[in-house]
Amino acid sequence: MNDNLFSKKNLITYLLLAILAVAIPLGIQMVQQQIELRTKATGEEIKFSGTGVSCDPSIPASGVQCTTTNPTITVELTSPFGGPLIQEN
């Protein structure tokens, strides 16, 4: 009976079960973290405003492209963890 419990075939089965017992929870945790990062990344993170600022969202490769004729614009950075930070240049 004792030889059957620790046979080569049973040891391989136990090893595979142990690997699965560790790999499945780790895999689930990694997928959940990836989903959380994607939800935080959505939304408008950088916003340009001010006199003479014109933004064109129709350029899909680069997102939104903004141009200005005024050297002073307002830049609004929005963090997914808090409110916006406004900086004038």
N, C-alpha and C. Protein backbone atom coordinates (compact mmCIF):
# COMPACT_ATOMS: atom_id res chain seq x y z
N MET A 1 0.82 -1.18 0.00
CA MET A 1 0.00 0.00 0.00
C MET A 1 0.87 1.25 0.00
N ASN A 2 1.91 1.28 0.83
CA ASN A 2 2.78 2.44 0.95
C ASN A 2 3.55 2.67 -0.35
N ASP A 3 3.95 1.59 -1.04
CA ASP A 3 4.66 1.73 -2.31
C ASP A 3 3.75 2.32 -3.38
N ASN A 4 2.50 1.99 -3.35
CA ASN A 4 1.55 2.49 -4.34
C ASN A 4 1.31 3.99 -4.16
N LEU A 5 1.34 4.48 -2.91
CA LEU A 5 1.10 5.89 -2.62
C LEU A 5 2.23 6.76 -3.16
N PHE A 6 3.45 6.29 -3.11
CA PHE A 6 4.60 7.05 -3.57
C PHE A 6 5.20 6.50 -4.86
N SER A 7 4.40 5.90 -5.67
CA SER A 7 4.91 5.40 -6.95
C SER A 7 5.24 6.59 -7.86
N LYS A 8 6.00 6.32 -8.90
CA LYS A 8 6.44 7.37 -9.81
C LYS A 8 5.24 8.05 -10.48
N LYS A 9 4.26 7.27 -10.85
CA LYS A 9 3.06 7.79 -11.50
C LYS A 9 2.29 8.71 -10.55
N ASN A 10 2.15 8.32 -9.32
CA ASN A 10 1.43 9.14 -8.34
C ASN A 10 2.20 10.41 -7.99
N LEU A 11 3.52 10.35 -7.90
CA LEU A 11 4.31 11.53 -7.61
C LEU A 11 4.17 12.58 -8.73
N ILE A 12 4.17 12.11 -9.97
CA ILE A 12 3.97 13.03 -11.09
C ILE A 12 2.58 13.66 -11.02
N THR A 13 1.58 12.89 -10.67
CA THR A 13 0.22 13.42 -10.53
C THR A 13 0.16 14.45 -9.42
N TYR A 14 0.78 14.17 -8.28
CA TYR A 14 0.78 15.13 -7.17
C TYR A 14 1.50 16.43 -7.55
N LEU A 15 2.61 16.28 -8.28
CA LEU A 15 3.36 17.45 -8.71
C LEU A 15 2.52 18.31 -9.67
N LEU A 16 1.85 17.70 -10.61
CA LEU A 16 1.00 18.44 -11.53
C LEU A 16 -0.16 19.13 -10.80
N LEU A 17 -0.74 18.47 -9.83
CA LEU A 17 -1.83 19.07 -9.05
C LEU A 17 -1.32 20.27 -8.24
N ALA A 18 -0.11 20.15 -7.70
CA ALA A 18 0.46 21.27 -6.94
C ALA A 18 0.74 22.47 -7.86
N ILE A 19 1.25 22.20 -9.06
CA ILE A 19 1.51 23.29 -10.01
C ILE A 19 0.20 23.97 -10.39
N LEU A 20 -0.84 23.20 -10.65
CA LEU A 20 -2.14 23.78 -11.00
C LEU A 20 -2.73 24.56 -9.83
N ALA A 21 -2.54 24.06 -8.63
CA ALA A 21 -3.08 24.75 -7.45
C ALA A 21 -2.44 26.11 -7.26
N VAL A 22 -1.21 26.28 -7.69
CA VAL A 22 -0.53 27.57 -7.60
C VAL A 22 -0.81 28.42 -8.84
N ALA A 23 -0.80 27.81 -10.02
CA ALA A 23 -0.90 28.55 -11.27
C ALA A 23 -2.29 29.16 -11.50
N ILE A 24 -3.34 28.47 -11.14
CA ILE A 24 -4.69 28.98 -11.39
C ILE A 24 -4.97 30.26 -10.61
N PRO A 25 -4.73 30.32 -9.30
CA PRO A 25 -4.96 31.60 -8.60
C PRO A 25 -4.06 32.73 -9.09
N LEU A 26 -2.80 32.42 -9.42
CA LEU A 26 -1.91 33.45 -9.94
C LEU A 26 -2.39 33.98 -11.29
N GLY A 27 -2.86 33.09 -12.14
CA GLY A 27 -3.39 33.51 -13.43
C GLY A 27 -4.62 34.38 -13.29
N ILE A 28 -5.51 34.03 -12.39
CA ILE A 28 -6.71 34.83 -12.15
C ILE A 28 -6.33 36.20 -11.62
N GLN A 29 -5.37 36.27 -10.71
CA GLN A 29 -4.94 37.54 -10.16
C GLN A 29 -4.33 38.44 -11.24
N MET A 30 -3.55 37.87 -12.14
CA MET A 30 -2.92 38.66 -13.20
C MET A 30 -3.97 39.21 -14.16
N VAL A 31 -4.98 38.43 -14.48
CA VAL A 31 -6.04 38.91 -15.37
C VAL A 31 -6.82 40.03 -14.70
N GLN A 32 -7.09 39.93 -13.42
CA GLN A 32 -7.82 40.98 -12.71
C GLN A 32 -7.01 42.27 -12.68
N GLN A 33 -5.70 42.20 -12.49
CA GLN A 33 -4.86 43.39 -12.49
C GLN A 33 -4.85 44.04 -13.86
N GLN A 34 -4.84 43.25 -14.91
CA GLN A 34 -4.84 43.80 -16.26
C GLN A 34 -6.16 44.52 -16.53
N ILE A 35 -7.26 43.97 -16.09
CA ILE A 35 -8.56 44.62 -16.27
C ILE A 35 -8.61 45.93 -15.50
N GLU A 36 -8.07 45.97 -14.29
CA GLU A 36 -8.05 47.19 -13.49
C GLU A 36 -7.24 48.28 -14.18
N LEU A 37 -6.10 47.92 -14.77
CA LEU A 37 -5.27 48.90 -15.46
C LEU A 37 -5.98 49.46 -16.68
N ARG A 38 -6.70 48.62 -17.40
CA ARG A 38 -7.41 49.10 -18.58
C ARG A 38 -8.52 50.07 -18.19
N THR A 39 -9.22 49.81 -17.11
CA THR A 39 -10.30 50.71 -16.72
C THR A 39 -9.75 52.04 -16.23
N LYS A 40 -8.58 52.05 -15.63
CA LYS A 40 -7.96 53.30 -15.18
C LYS A 40 -7.41 54.10 -16.35
N ALA A 41 -7.07 53.44 -17.44
CA ALA A 41 -6.46 54.13 -18.57
C ALA A 41 -7.48 54.80 -19.48
N THR A 42 -8.75 54.50 -19.32
CA THR A 42 -9.75 55.11 -20.18
C THR A 42 -10.06 56.52 -19.73
N GLY A 43 -10.53 57.31 -20.65
CA GLY A 43 -10.89 58.68 -20.32
C GLY A 43 -9.87 59.67 -20.85
N GLU A 44 -10.20 60.93 -20.72
CA GLU A 44 -9.35 61.99 -21.22
C GLU A 44 -8.31 62.32 -20.15
N GLU A 45 -7.06 62.01 -20.41
CA GLU A 45 -6.01 62.20 -19.42
C GLU A 45 -5.32 63.55 -19.58
N ILE A 46 -5.20 64.04 -20.82
CA ILE A 46 -4.55 65.32 -21.08
C ILE A 46 -5.51 66.17 -21.89
N LYS A 47 -5.76 67.39 -21.42
CA LYS A 47 -6.68 68.29 -22.10
C LYS A 47 -5.99 69.63 -22.28
N PHE A 48 -5.99 70.13 -23.52
CA PHE A 48 -5.43 71.43 -23.84
C PHE A 48 -6.57 72.41 -24.04
N SER A 49 -6.46 73.60 -23.46
CA SER A 49 -7.48 74.61 -23.65
C SER A 49 -6.85 75.99 -23.61
N GLY A 50 -7.61 76.96 -24.03
CA GLY A 50 -7.13 78.34 -24.05
C GLY A 50 -7.47 79.00 -25.36
N THR A 51 -7.08 80.25 -25.49
CA THR A 51 -7.35 81.03 -26.69
C THR A 51 -6.55 80.48 -27.86
N GLY A 52 -7.22 80.19 -28.97
CA GLY A 52 -6.55 79.72 -30.17
C GLY A 52 -6.26 78.24 -30.21
N VAL A 53 -6.69 77.46 -29.21
CA VAL A 53 -6.45 76.01 -29.21
C VAL A 53 -7.55 75.33 -30.00
N SER A 54 -7.14 74.49 -30.94
CA SER A 54 -8.09 73.74 -31.77
C SER A 54 -7.68 72.28 -31.75
N CYS A 55 -8.60 71.40 -31.33
CA CYS A 55 -8.29 69.97 -31.24
C CYS A 55 -9.11 69.19 -32.26
N ASP A 56 -8.46 68.22 -32.93
CA ASP A 56 -9.10 67.40 -33.95
C ASP A 56 -9.06 65.94 -33.53
N PRO A 57 -10.20 65.38 -33.08
CA PRO A 57 -10.22 63.97 -32.64
C PRO A 57 -10.35 62.98 -33.79
N SER A 58 -10.34 63.42 -35.03
CA SER A 58 -10.58 62.51 -36.15
C SER A 58 -9.33 61.77 -36.60
N ILE A 59 -8.19 61.98 -35.96
CA ILE A 59 -6.96 61.29 -36.34
C ILE A 59 -6.81 60.08 -35.42
N PRO A 60 -7.19 58.87 -35.90
CA PRO A 60 -7.23 57.70 -35.01
C PRO A 60 -5.87 57.20 -34.55
N ALA A 61 -4.82 57.41 -35.33
CA ALA A 61 -3.52 56.85 -34.96
C ALA A 61 -2.93 57.53 -33.74
N SER A 62 -3.14 58.84 -33.61
CA SER A 62 -2.51 59.57 -32.50
C SER A 62 -3.52 60.05 -31.47
N GLY A 63 -4.76 59.63 -31.57
CA GLY A 63 -5.78 60.09 -30.63
C GLY A 63 -6.30 61.44 -31.04
N VAL A 64 -6.05 62.46 -30.24
CA VAL A 64 -6.50 63.82 -30.53
C VAL A 64 -5.28 64.68 -30.80
N GLN A 65 -5.33 65.41 -31.91
CA GLN A 65 -4.22 66.30 -32.24
C GLN A 65 -4.69 67.73 -32.06
N CYS A 66 -3.94 68.50 -31.28
CA CYS A 66 -4.30 69.89 -30.99
C CYS A 66 -3.25 70.82 -31.58
N THR A 67 -3.72 71.96 -32.06
CA THR A 67 -2.84 73.02 -32.54
C THR A 67 -3.25 74.32 -31.88
N THR A 68 -2.34 75.29 -31.87
CA THR A 68 -2.64 76.58 -31.26
C THR A 68 -1.91 77.69 -31.99
N THR A 69 -2.48 78.88 -31.90
CA THR A 69 -1.83 80.06 -32.44
C THR A 69 -1.32 80.96 -31.32
N ASN A 70 -1.59 80.57 -30.09
CA ASN A 70 -1.24 81.36 -28.92
C ASN A 70 -0.11 80.65 -28.17
N PRO A 71 0.95 81.35 -27.78
CA PRO A 71 2.05 80.69 -27.05
C PRO A 71 1.69 80.29 -25.62
N THR A 72 0.58 80.81 -25.08
CA THR A 72 0.17 80.48 -23.72
C THR A 72 -1.10 79.64 -23.77
N ILE A 73 -1.01 78.39 -23.29
CA ILE A 73 -2.18 77.51 -23.27
C ILE A 73 -2.34 76.91 -21.88
N THR A 74 -3.49 76.32 -21.63
CA THR A 74 -3.74 75.63 -20.37
C THR A 74 -3.67 74.13 -20.62
N VAL A 75 -2.89 73.43 -19.80
CA VAL A 75 -2.77 71.98 -19.89
C VAL A 75 -3.40 71.40 -18.63
N GLU A 76 -4.37 70.50 -18.81
CA GLU A 76 -5.05 69.86 -17.68
C GLU A 76 -4.74 68.37 -17.72
N LEU A 77 -4.04 67.89 -16.70
CA LEU A 77 -3.69 66.48 -16.58
C LEU A 77 -4.62 65.84 -15.55
N THR A 78 -5.31 64.78 -15.95
CA THR A 78 -6.24 64.11 -15.06
C THR A 78 -5.69 62.74 -14.68
N SER A 79 -5.50 62.53 -13.41
CA SER A 79 -5.02 61.25 -12.90
C SER A 79 -6.21 60.34 -12.63
N PRO A 80 -6.08 59.03 -12.88
CA PRO A 80 -7.17 58.12 -12.54
C PRO A 80 -7.33 57.97 -11.02
N PHE A 81 -6.39 58.50 -10.25
CA PHE A 81 -6.42 58.37 -8.80
C PHE A 81 -6.94 59.60 -8.09
N GLY A 82 -7.15 60.70 -8.82
CA GLY A 82 -7.60 61.91 -8.17
C GLY A 82 -8.08 62.93 -9.17
N GLY A 83 -8.22 64.15 -8.72
CA GLY A 83 -8.73 65.23 -9.55
C GLY A 83 -7.68 65.74 -10.53
N PRO A 84 -8.10 66.67 -11.39
CA PRO A 84 -7.17 67.20 -12.39
C PRO A 84 -6.13 68.13 -11.81
N LEU A 85 -5.01 68.21 -12.47
CA LEU A 85 -3.92 69.11 -12.16
C LEU A 85 -3.81 70.08 -13.33
N ILE A 86 -3.98 71.38 -13.09
CA ILE A 86 -3.98 72.36 -14.17
C ILE A 86 -2.68 73.14 -14.12
N GLN A 87 -2.05 73.27 -15.29
CA GLN A 87 -0.79 73.98 -15.39
C GLN A 87 -0.88 74.90 -16.62
N GLU A 88 -0.51 76.16 -16.45
CA GLU A 88 -0.51 77.10 -17.57
C GLU A 88 0.92 77.29 -18.04
N ASN A 89 1.11 77.24 -19.36
CA ASN A 89 2.45 77.45 -19.95
C ASN A 89 2.41 78.68 -20.82
